[in-house]
């Protein structure tokens, strides 16, 4: 028997390693906050869901008419939502924005406890325990935030925590454009 190393085997190992390194570089260099959305510049999907705090109250897309809105997808099971939640108190102080929560794939008692312990910055909270409305919006998980113009059209989608820096960099310019009629 010969102790010769098969050159094809060595090349295969190098190619597999190079492919893995390329994939690792590619996945780290693409930011998850920039996931595309089919809804950009389109009306919000049709829906009728109950208010988390009052199940007798139903919400429809009319909720997003006449005001610039931020729709924040959150859940009690989402660790990043706990990190993000204090920032929503800051954004909710603005008179030019309507802050709407979308409680996503959550149990009602846990969602209510989340708001009781963390605070409630939302004017309205859509309760989506099944995740159906989230599917209509193309939600991958929580947190996600949609900027919706007063015409009911989605203008921007952000995946991840909306820190003050993200708000200033991503949302403020678009809010200014919407106010100017663009």
N, C-alpha and C. Protein backbone atom coordinates (compact mmCIF):
# COMPACT_ATOMS: atom_id res chain seq x y z
N UNK A 1 0.83 -1.18 0.00
CA UNK A 1 0.00 0.00 0.00
C UNK A 1 0.87 1.24 0.00
N UNK A 2 0.37 2.22 -0.67
CA UNK A 2 1.10 3.48 -0.79
C UNK A 2 0.54 4.51 0.17
N UNK A 3 1.42 5.38 0.69
CA UNK A 3 1.00 6.45 1.59
C UNK A 3 0.74 7.75 0.84
N UNK A 4 0.49 7.66 -0.44
CA UNK A 4 0.24 8.86 -1.24
C UNK A 4 -1.10 9.49 -0.85
N UNK A 5 -1.09 10.81 -0.80
CA UNK A 5 -2.32 11.55 -0.51
C UNK A 5 -3.01 11.85 -1.83
N UNK A 6 -4.29 11.61 -1.87
CA UNK A 6 -5.07 11.88 -3.07
C UNK A 6 -5.23 13.39 -3.22
N UNK A 7 -4.70 13.99 -4.32
CA UNK A 7 -4.78 15.44 -4.48
C UNK A 7 -6.23 15.95 -4.60
N UNK A 8 -7.12 15.17 -5.14
CA UNK A 8 -8.52 15.61 -5.26
C UNK A 8 -9.17 15.76 -3.89
N UNK A 9 -8.80 14.89 -2.97
CA UNK A 9 -9.33 14.97 -1.62
C UNK A 9 -8.88 16.26 -0.94
N UNK A 10 -7.62 16.62 -1.11
CA UNK A 10 -7.08 17.86 -0.53
C UNK A 10 -7.75 19.09 -1.12
N UNK A 11 -7.93 19.10 -2.43
CA UNK A 11 -8.59 20.23 -3.09
C UNK A 11 -10.04 20.35 -2.63
N UNK A 12 -10.70 19.22 -2.49
CA UNK A 12 -12.10 19.23 -2.02
C UNK A 12 -12.22 19.85 -0.64
N UNK A 13 -11.31 19.49 0.25
CA UNK A 13 -11.34 20.04 1.61
C UNK A 13 -11.13 21.56 1.56
N UNK A 14 -10.17 22.01 0.76
CA UNK A 14 -9.90 23.45 0.63
C UNK A 14 -11.12 24.17 0.06
N UNK A 15 -11.76 23.60 -0.95
CA UNK A 15 -12.94 24.23 -1.55
C UNK A 15 -14.11 24.31 -0.57
N UNK A 16 -14.33 23.25 0.18
CA UNK A 16 -15.41 23.26 1.18
C UNK A 16 -15.12 24.32 2.24
N UNK A 17 -13.88 24.39 2.70
CA UNK A 17 -13.50 25.39 3.70
C UNK A 17 -13.68 26.80 3.14
N UNK A 18 -13.25 27.03 1.91
CA UNK A 18 -13.38 28.35 1.29
C UNK A 18 -14.86 28.72 1.14
N UNK A 19 -15.68 27.76 0.75
CA UNK A 19 -17.12 28.01 0.63
C UNK A 19 -17.74 28.37 1.96
N UNK A 20 -17.35 27.67 2.99
CA UNK A 20 -17.86 27.96 4.34
C UNK A 20 -17.44 29.37 4.77
N UNK A 21 -16.19 29.72 4.54
CA UNK A 21 -15.69 31.05 4.93
C UNK A 21 -16.43 32.15 4.15
N UNK A 22 -16.67 31.92 2.86
CA UNK A 22 -17.41 32.91 2.08
C UNK A 22 -18.81 33.08 2.64
N UNK A 23 -19.50 31.98 2.94
CA UNK A 23 -20.86 32.05 3.49
C UNK A 23 -20.85 32.79 4.83
N UNK A 24 -19.89 32.51 5.67
CA UNK A 24 -19.78 33.18 6.97
C UNK A 24 -19.58 34.68 6.78
N UNK A 25 -18.67 35.07 5.89
CA UNK A 25 -18.44 36.49 5.60
C UNK A 25 -19.71 37.14 5.07
N UNK A 26 -20.39 36.49 4.13
CA UNK A 26 -21.59 37.04 3.51
C UNK A 26 -22.69 37.24 4.55
N UNK A 27 -22.91 36.25 5.40
CA UNK A 27 -23.99 36.35 6.39
C UNK A 27 -23.69 37.41 7.44
N UNK A 28 -22.45 37.62 7.79
CA UNK A 28 -22.11 38.65 8.78
C UNK A 28 -22.11 40.05 8.18
N UNK A 29 -21.86 40.16 6.87
CA UNK A 29 -21.80 41.48 6.26
C UNK A 29 -23.17 42.01 5.86
N UNK A 30 -24.17 41.15 5.75
CA UNK A 30 -25.52 41.59 5.43
C UNK A 30 -26.28 41.87 6.71
N UNK A 31 -26.81 43.10 6.84
CA UNK A 31 -27.49 43.45 8.08
C UNK A 31 -28.91 42.92 8.06
N UNK A 32 -29.33 42.35 9.16
CA UNK A 32 -30.67 41.78 9.24
C UNK A 32 -31.75 42.84 9.27
N UNK A 33 -31.41 44.08 9.57
CA UNK A 33 -32.42 45.13 9.62
C UNK A 33 -32.87 45.55 8.23
N UNK A 34 -32.20 45.10 7.20
CA UNK A 34 -32.52 45.52 5.84
C UNK A 34 -33.24 44.44 5.05
N UNK A 35 -33.97 43.57 5.71
CA UNK A 35 -34.73 42.56 4.99
C UNK A 35 -35.78 43.24 4.11
N UNK A 36 -35.93 42.80 2.87
CA UNK A 36 -36.88 43.45 1.97
C UNK A 36 -38.33 43.19 2.39
N UNK A 37 -39.21 44.07 1.96
CA UNK A 37 -40.64 43.90 2.22
C UNK A 37 -41.41 44.16 0.94
N UNK A 38 -42.34 43.28 0.63
CA UNK A 38 -43.19 43.46 -0.54
C UNK A 38 -44.21 44.57 -0.33
N UNK A 39 -44.34 45.04 0.90
CA UNK A 39 -45.36 46.04 1.22
C UNK A 39 -44.91 47.48 1.02
N UNK A 40 -43.63 47.71 0.78
CA UNK A 40 -43.15 49.08 0.66
C UNK A 40 -43.92 49.79 -0.46
N UNK A 41 -44.46 50.97 -0.11
CA UNK A 41 -45.27 51.81 -1.00
C UNK A 41 -46.59 51.16 -1.40
N UNK A 42 -47.03 50.19 -0.62
CA UNK A 42 -48.33 49.57 -0.83
C UNK A 42 -49.18 49.74 0.43
N UNK A 43 -50.50 49.68 0.27
CA UNK A 43 -51.37 49.79 1.45
C UNK A 43 -51.14 48.64 2.42
N UNK A 44 -51.38 48.91 3.70
CA UNK A 44 -51.30 47.83 4.69
C UNK A 44 -52.31 46.76 4.28
N UNK A 45 -52.05 45.52 4.64
CA UNK A 45 -52.98 44.44 4.29
C UNK A 45 -54.35 44.65 4.93
N UNK A 46 -55.36 44.04 4.32
CA UNK A 46 -56.70 44.07 4.91
C UNK A 46 -56.70 43.18 6.15
N UNK A 47 -57.33 43.67 7.21
CA UNK A 47 -57.41 42.88 8.43
C UNK A 47 -58.54 43.38 9.31
N UNK A 48 -58.92 42.56 10.23
CA UNK A 48 -59.83 42.93 11.31
C UNK A 48 -59.40 42.11 12.52
N UNK A 49 -58.78 42.78 13.48
CA UNK A 49 -58.29 42.11 14.69
C UNK A 49 -58.74 42.90 15.91
N UNK A 50 -58.78 42.21 17.02
CA UNK A 50 -59.24 42.86 18.25
C UNK A 50 -58.10 43.63 18.92
N UNK A 51 -58.52 44.59 19.71
CA UNK A 51 -57.62 45.37 20.57
C UNK A 51 -57.23 44.48 21.74
N UNK A 52 -55.96 44.46 22.09
CA UNK A 52 -55.49 43.63 23.20
C UNK A 52 -56.19 44.00 24.50
N UNK A 53 -56.36 45.29 24.74
CA UNK A 53 -56.91 45.75 26.02
C UNK A 53 -58.44 45.76 26.05
N UNK A 54 -59.08 45.56 24.89
CA UNK A 54 -60.55 45.54 24.83
C UNK A 54 -60.95 44.65 23.66
N UNK A 55 -61.19 43.37 23.92
CA UNK A 55 -61.47 42.42 22.84
C UNK A 55 -62.75 42.73 22.09
N UNK A 56 -63.61 43.60 22.61
CA UNK A 56 -64.82 43.99 21.90
C UNK A 56 -64.55 45.05 20.84
N UNK A 57 -63.38 45.65 20.87
CA UNK A 57 -63.01 46.68 19.90
C UNK A 57 -62.19 46.05 18.78
N UNK A 58 -62.64 46.25 17.55
CA UNK A 58 -61.95 45.71 16.38
C UNK A 58 -61.19 46.82 15.65
N UNK A 59 -60.03 46.46 15.13
CA UNK A 59 -59.24 47.40 14.33
C UNK A 59 -59.16 46.90 12.90
N UNK A 60 -59.13 47.85 11.98
CA UNK A 60 -59.00 47.59 10.55
C UNK A 60 -57.91 48.52 10.00
N UNK A 61 -57.59 48.42 8.71
CA UNK A 61 -56.58 49.32 8.15
C UNK A 61 -56.91 50.81 8.29
N UNK A 62 -58.18 51.14 8.54
CA UNK A 62 -58.54 52.55 8.75
C UNK A 62 -57.79 53.17 9.93
N UNK A 63 -57.28 52.34 10.80
CA UNK A 63 -56.48 52.81 11.93
C UNK A 63 -55.28 53.63 11.46
N UNK A 64 -54.80 53.33 10.25
CA UNK A 64 -53.60 53.98 9.73
C UNK A 64 -53.90 55.11 8.75
N UNK A 65 -55.10 55.62 8.78
CA UNK A 65 -55.46 56.75 7.92
C UNK A 65 -55.28 58.05 8.70
N UNK A 66 -54.82 59.06 8.03
CA UNK A 66 -54.73 60.43 8.53
C UNK A 66 -53.56 60.72 9.45
N UNK A 67 -52.86 59.71 9.95
CA UNK A 67 -51.71 59.95 10.84
C UNK A 67 -50.50 59.16 10.35
N UNK A 68 -49.32 59.70 10.60
CA UNK A 68 -48.10 58.93 10.41
C UNK A 68 -48.03 57.95 11.58
N UNK A 69 -47.84 56.69 11.27
CA UNK A 69 -47.87 55.65 12.31
C UNK A 69 -46.61 54.81 12.32
N UNK A 70 -46.26 54.38 13.50
CA UNK A 70 -45.23 53.35 13.67
C UNK A 70 -45.93 52.13 14.24
N UNK A 71 -45.85 51.02 13.51
CA UNK A 71 -46.42 49.76 13.96
C UNK A 71 -45.27 48.90 14.48
N UNK A 72 -45.25 48.69 15.79
CA UNK A 72 -44.18 47.95 16.44
C UNK A 72 -44.65 46.54 16.78
N UNK A 73 -43.99 45.55 16.19
CA UNK A 73 -44.29 44.14 16.45
C UNK A 73 -43.50 43.73 17.70
N UNK A 74 -44.22 43.28 18.72
CA UNK A 74 -43.57 42.91 19.98
C UNK A 74 -44.25 41.68 20.57
N UNK A 75 -43.57 41.06 21.54
CA UNK A 75 -44.13 39.90 22.25
C UNK A 75 -43.42 39.73 23.58
N UNK A 76 -44.11 39.11 24.51
CA UNK A 76 -43.52 38.87 25.83
C UNK A 76 -42.40 37.83 25.77
N UNK A 77 -42.40 36.97 24.75
CA UNK A 77 -41.39 35.93 24.62
C UNK A 77 -40.12 36.43 23.92
N UNK A 78 -40.10 37.69 23.53
CA UNK A 78 -39.01 38.26 22.73
C UNK A 78 -38.02 39.02 23.62
N UNK A 79 -36.81 38.49 23.84
CA UNK A 79 -35.85 39.18 24.70
C UNK A 79 -35.48 40.58 24.20
N UNK A 80 -35.33 40.75 22.89
CA UNK A 80 -34.97 42.06 22.34
C UNK A 80 -36.09 43.08 22.54
N UNK A 81 -37.33 42.61 22.66
CA UNK A 81 -38.45 43.53 22.89
C UNK A 81 -38.34 44.21 24.25
N UNK A 82 -37.81 43.50 25.22
CA UNK A 82 -37.59 44.09 26.54
C UNK A 82 -36.52 45.18 26.46
N UNK A 83 -35.48 44.95 25.64
CA UNK A 83 -34.44 45.95 25.46
C UNK A 83 -34.97 47.18 24.75
N UNK A 84 -35.82 46.96 23.76
CA UNK A 84 -36.34 48.04 22.92
C UNK A 84 -37.44 48.85 23.60
N UNK A 85 -38.21 48.22 24.44
CA UNK A 85 -39.45 48.81 24.95
C UNK A 85 -39.29 50.19 25.59
N UNK A 86 -38.25 50.46 26.39
CA UNK A 86 -38.12 51.81 26.97
C UNK A 86 -38.02 52.92 25.92
N UNK A 87 -37.47 52.61 24.75
CA UNK A 87 -37.37 53.62 23.70
C UNK A 87 -38.74 54.04 23.19
N UNK A 88 -39.70 53.12 23.23
CA UNK A 88 -41.04 53.44 22.73
C UNK A 88 -41.71 54.51 23.60
N UNK A 89 -41.35 54.56 24.87
CA UNK A 89 -41.87 55.64 25.72
C UNK A 89 -41.41 57.00 25.20
N UNK A 90 -40.19 57.06 24.70
CA UNK A 90 -39.65 58.31 24.13
C UNK A 90 -40.39 58.67 22.86
N UNK A 91 -40.54 57.71 21.95
CA UNK A 91 -41.20 57.98 20.66
C UNK A 91 -42.67 58.32 20.85
N UNK A 92 -43.29 57.75 21.87
CA UNK A 92 -44.72 57.99 22.12
C UNK A 92 -44.99 59.42 22.58
N UNK A 93 -43.98 60.14 23.02
CA UNK A 93 -44.16 61.53 23.46
C UNK A 93 -44.33 62.49 22.28
N UNK A 94 -44.06 62.02 21.09
CA UNK A 94 -44.17 62.88 19.91
C UNK A 94 -45.64 63.03 19.50
N UNK A 95 -46.03 64.25 19.21
CA UNK A 95 -47.40 64.52 18.78
C UNK A 95 -47.64 64.18 17.31
N UNK A 96 -46.57 64.06 16.55
CA UNK A 96 -46.71 63.86 15.11
C UNK A 96 -46.75 62.38 14.71
N UNK A 97 -46.72 61.49 15.68
CA UNK A 97 -46.72 60.06 15.39
C UNK A 97 -47.79 59.34 16.19
N UNK A 98 -48.38 58.35 15.56
CA UNK A 98 -49.27 57.42 16.25
C UNK A 98 -48.48 56.12 16.46
N UNK A 99 -48.35 55.70 17.69
CA UNK A 99 -47.61 54.49 18.01
C UNK A 99 -48.61 53.35 18.23
N UNK A 100 -48.50 52.33 17.38
CA UNK A 100 -49.41 51.18 17.44
C UNK A 100 -48.58 49.93 17.70
N UNK A 101 -49.01 49.12 18.63
CA UNK A 101 -48.35 47.85 18.90
C UNK A 101 -49.05 46.71 18.18
N UNK A 102 -48.28 45.74 17.76
CA UNK A 102 -48.83 44.50 17.23
C UNK A 102 -48.27 43.38 18.10
N UNK A 103 -49.10 42.90 19.01
CA UNK A 103 -48.68 41.81 19.89
C UNK A 103 -48.77 40.53 19.09
N UNK A 104 -47.61 39.91 18.86
CA UNK A 104 -47.44 38.85 17.87
C UNK A 104 -47.21 37.48 18.51
N UNK A 105 -48.09 36.53 18.17
CA UNK A 105 -47.96 35.13 18.61
C UNK A 105 -47.72 35.02 20.12
N UNK A 106 -48.55 35.70 20.86
CA UNK A 106 -48.38 35.77 22.31
C UNK A 106 -49.64 35.29 23.00
N UNK A 107 -49.52 34.95 24.24
CA UNK A 107 -50.68 34.64 25.06
C UNK A 107 -51.14 35.94 25.70
N UNK A 108 -52.46 36.12 25.77
CA UNK A 108 -53.00 37.38 26.25
C UNK A 108 -52.52 37.73 27.65
N UNK A 109 -52.54 36.77 28.57
CA UNK A 109 -52.13 37.07 29.94
C UNK A 109 -50.66 37.48 30.01
N UNK A 110 -49.82 36.86 29.20
CA UNK A 110 -48.40 37.21 29.19
C UNK A 110 -48.18 38.58 28.54
N UNK A 111 -48.94 38.88 27.50
CA UNK A 111 -48.83 40.19 26.86
C UNK A 111 -49.26 41.30 27.83
N UNK A 112 -50.35 41.06 28.54
CA UNK A 112 -50.83 42.06 29.51
C UNK A 112 -49.82 42.25 30.64
N UNK A 113 -49.20 41.16 31.08
CA UNK A 113 -48.19 41.26 32.13
C UNK A 113 -46.96 42.03 31.63
N UNK A 114 -46.57 41.78 30.39
CA UNK A 114 -45.47 42.51 29.77
C UNK A 114 -45.74 44.01 29.84
N UNK A 115 -46.94 44.43 29.43
CA UNK A 115 -47.29 45.85 29.43
C UNK A 115 -47.41 46.40 30.85
N UNK A 116 -47.90 45.58 31.76
CA UNK A 116 -48.04 46.01 33.15
C UNK A 116 -46.66 46.28 33.77
N UNK A 117 -45.70 45.44 33.47
CA UNK A 117 -44.37 45.58 34.08
C UNK A 117 -43.45 46.51 33.29
N UNK A 118 -43.64 46.61 31.98
CA UNK A 118 -42.74 47.41 31.14
C UNK A 118 -43.32 48.77 30.78
N UNK A 119 -44.64 48.92 30.93
CA UNK A 119 -45.30 50.16 30.53
C UNK A 119 -45.99 49.99 29.19
N UNK A 120 -46.93 50.88 28.92
CA UNK A 120 -47.69 50.81 27.67
C UNK A 120 -47.55 52.12 26.90
N UNK A 121 -46.66 52.16 25.91
CA UNK A 121 -46.48 53.37 25.12
C UNK A 121 -47.43 53.47 23.92
N UNK A 122 -48.26 52.45 23.71
CA UNK A 122 -49.06 52.34 22.49
C UNK A 122 -50.42 53.02 22.62
N UNK A 123 -50.84 53.67 21.54
CA UNK A 123 -52.20 54.22 21.49
C UNK A 123 -53.21 53.10 21.26
N UNK A 124 -52.80 52.12 20.47
CA UNK A 124 -53.63 50.95 20.17
C UNK A 124 -52.71 49.74 20.14
N UNK A 125 -53.28 48.58 20.49
CA UNK A 125 -52.50 47.34 20.42
C UNK A 125 -53.32 46.29 19.70
N UNK A 126 -52.84 45.88 18.53
CA UNK A 126 -53.49 44.82 17.77
C UNK A 126 -53.07 43.49 18.37
N UNK A 127 -54.04 42.62 18.64
CA UNK A 127 -53.75 41.33 19.26
C UNK A 127 -53.77 40.25 18.20
N UNK A 128 -52.60 39.68 17.91
CA UNK A 128 -52.43 38.69 16.85
C UNK A 128 -51.86 37.40 17.43
N UNK A 129 -52.66 36.72 18.24
CA UNK A 129 -52.17 35.52 18.92
C UNK A 129 -51.83 34.39 17.94
N UNK A 130 -52.51 34.33 16.81
CA UNK A 130 -52.27 33.25 15.84
C UNK A 130 -51.11 33.55 14.91
N UNK A 131 -50.72 34.81 14.80
CA UNK A 131 -49.66 35.20 13.88
C UNK A 131 -50.16 35.47 12.48
N UNK A 132 -51.46 35.40 12.26
CA UNK A 132 -52.03 35.58 10.92
C UNK A 132 -51.76 36.98 10.35
N UNK A 133 -51.98 38.01 11.17
CA UNK A 133 -51.72 39.37 10.70
C UNK A 133 -50.22 39.56 10.45
N UNK A 134 -49.41 38.97 11.30
CA UNK A 134 -47.97 39.03 11.08
C UNK A 134 -47.57 38.45 9.74
N UNK A 135 -48.22 37.35 9.35
CA UNK A 135 -47.96 36.75 8.04
C UNK A 135 -48.32 37.74 6.94
N UNK A 136 -49.45 38.41 7.08
CA UNK A 136 -49.89 39.38 6.07
C UNK A 136 -48.88 40.53 5.92
N UNK A 137 -48.24 40.91 7.02
CA UNK A 137 -47.23 41.97 6.99
C UNK A 137 -45.85 41.43 6.60
N UNK A 138 -45.70 40.11 6.52
CA UNK A 138 -44.41 39.52 6.19
C UNK A 138 -43.44 39.51 7.36
N UNK A 139 -43.98 39.45 8.57
CA UNK A 139 -43.15 39.49 9.77
C UNK A 139 -42.33 38.21 9.88
N UNK A 140 -41.04 38.38 10.16
CA UNK A 140 -40.14 37.26 10.41
C UNK A 140 -40.10 36.91 11.88
N UNK A 141 -40.25 37.90 12.73
CA UNK A 141 -40.16 37.70 14.17
C UNK A 141 -40.32 39.04 14.87
N UNK A 142 -39.93 39.09 16.10
CA UNK A 142 -40.05 40.33 16.85
C UNK A 142 -38.68 40.68 17.43
N UNK A 143 -38.38 41.95 17.54
CA UNK A 143 -39.19 43.09 17.14
C UNK A 143 -39.00 43.45 15.66
N UNK A 144 -40.04 43.98 15.09
CA UNK A 144 -40.02 44.59 13.77
C UNK A 144 -40.87 45.84 13.86
N UNK A 145 -40.55 46.82 13.04
CA UNK A 145 -41.30 48.07 13.06
C UNK A 145 -41.56 48.54 11.64
N UNK A 146 -42.80 48.96 11.40
CA UNK A 146 -43.21 49.48 10.10
C UNK A 146 -43.57 50.95 10.24
N UNK A 147 -43.08 51.76 9.31
CA UNK A 147 -43.48 53.16 9.22
C UNK A 147 -44.59 53.22 8.17
N UNK A 148 -45.73 53.75 8.57
CA UNK A 148 -46.91 53.79 7.70
C UNK A 148 -47.34 55.24 7.55
N UNK A 149 -47.49 55.67 6.30
CA UNK A 149 -47.90 57.04 6.03
C UNK A 149 -49.37 57.25 6.31
N UNK A 150 -49.80 58.52 6.32
CA UNK A 150 -51.20 58.83 6.62
C UNK A 150 -52.17 58.36 5.52
N UNK A 151 -51.62 57.92 4.40
CA UNK A 151 -52.44 57.34 3.34
C UNK A 151 -52.60 55.82 3.52
N UNK A 152 -52.05 55.29 4.62
CA UNK A 152 -52.17 53.86 4.89
C UNK A 152 -51.17 52.99 4.15
N UNK A 153 -50.16 53.62 3.53
CA UNK A 153 -49.15 52.85 2.80
C UNK A 153 -47.90 52.66 3.66
N UNK A 154 -47.34 51.47 3.56
CA UNK A 154 -46.11 51.15 4.28
C UNK A 154 -44.95 51.86 3.58
N UNK A 155 -44.17 52.61 4.35
CA UNK A 155 -43.04 53.34 3.78
C UNK A 155 -41.69 52.70 4.11
N UNK A 156 -41.62 52.00 5.24
CA UNK A 156 -40.34 51.43 5.64
C UNK A 156 -40.59 50.30 6.62
N UNK A 157 -39.66 49.36 6.61
CA UNK A 157 -39.72 48.23 7.55
C UNK A 157 -38.33 48.06 8.17
N UNK A 158 -38.31 47.95 9.49
CA UNK A 158 -37.04 47.72 10.19
C UNK A 158 -37.15 46.45 11.00
N UNK A 159 -36.17 45.58 10.87
CA UNK A 159 -36.11 44.35 11.64
C UNK A 159 -35.07 44.55 12.74
N UNK A 160 -35.50 44.36 13.98
CA UNK A 160 -34.58 44.51 15.10
C UNK A 160 -34.99 45.67 15.99
N UNK A 161 -34.15 45.94 16.96
CA UNK A 161 -34.41 46.98 17.96
C UNK A 161 -34.30 48.36 17.32
N UNK A 162 -35.28 49.21 17.60
CA UNK A 162 -35.25 50.60 17.13
C UNK A 162 -34.67 51.45 18.25
N UNK A 163 -33.34 51.57 18.24
CA UNK A 163 -32.66 52.42 19.21
C UNK A 163 -32.84 53.88 18.79
N UNK A 164 -32.54 54.83 19.66
CA UNK A 164 -32.59 56.23 19.24
C UNK A 164 -31.71 56.52 18.02
N UNK A 165 -30.55 55.88 17.93
CA UNK A 165 -29.68 56.08 16.77
C UNK A 165 -30.34 55.56 15.49
N UNK A 166 -30.95 54.40 15.56
CA UNK A 166 -31.66 53.84 14.40
C UNK A 166 -32.83 54.74 14.04
N UNK A 167 -33.56 55.20 15.04
CA UNK A 167 -34.70 56.08 14.79
C UNK A 167 -34.25 57.33 14.05
N UNK A 168 -33.17 57.94 14.54
CA UNK A 168 -32.65 59.17 13.94
C UNK A 168 -32.17 58.94 12.52
N UNK A 169 -31.47 57.85 12.30
CA UNK A 169 -30.87 57.57 11.00
C UNK A 169 -31.87 57.06 9.97
N UNK A 170 -32.76 56.16 10.37
CA UNK A 170 -33.64 55.49 9.41
C UNK A 170 -35.04 56.10 9.34
N UNK A 171 -35.62 56.40 10.49
CA UNK A 171 -37.02 56.82 10.51
C UNK A 171 -37.20 58.32 10.31
N UNK A 172 -36.38 59.13 10.98
CA UNK A 172 -36.56 60.59 10.91
C UNK A 172 -36.57 61.14 9.48
N UNK A 173 -35.61 60.74 8.62
CA UNK A 173 -35.64 61.27 7.25
C UNK A 173 -36.93 60.91 6.52
N UNK A 174 -37.42 59.70 6.73
CA UNK A 174 -38.66 59.28 6.06
C UNK A 174 -39.88 60.01 6.63
N UNK A 175 -39.89 60.22 7.93
CA UNK A 175 -40.99 60.98 8.54
C UNK A 175 -41.02 62.39 7.97
N UNK A 176 -39.85 63.00 7.82
CA UNK A 176 -39.76 64.35 7.23
C UNK A 176 -40.27 64.35 5.79
N UNK A 177 -39.90 63.33 5.02
CA UNK A 177 -40.38 63.22 3.64
C UNK A 177 -41.90 63.10 3.59
N UNK A 178 -42.45 62.28 4.46
CA UNK A 178 -43.90 62.10 4.49
C UNK A 178 -44.59 63.42 4.81
N UNK A 179 -44.05 64.15 5.77
CA UNK A 179 -44.64 65.45 6.16
C UNK A 179 -44.59 66.44 5.01
N UNK A 180 -43.56 66.33 4.15
CA UNK A 180 -43.43 67.23 3.01
C UNK A 180 -44.23 66.75 1.80
N UNK A 181 -44.91 65.64 1.95
CA UNK A 181 -45.77 65.15 0.88
C UNK A 181 -45.11 64.20 -0.09
N UNK A 182 -43.97 63.68 0.24
CA UNK A 182 -43.28 62.75 -0.66
C UNK A 182 -43.58 61.32 -0.29
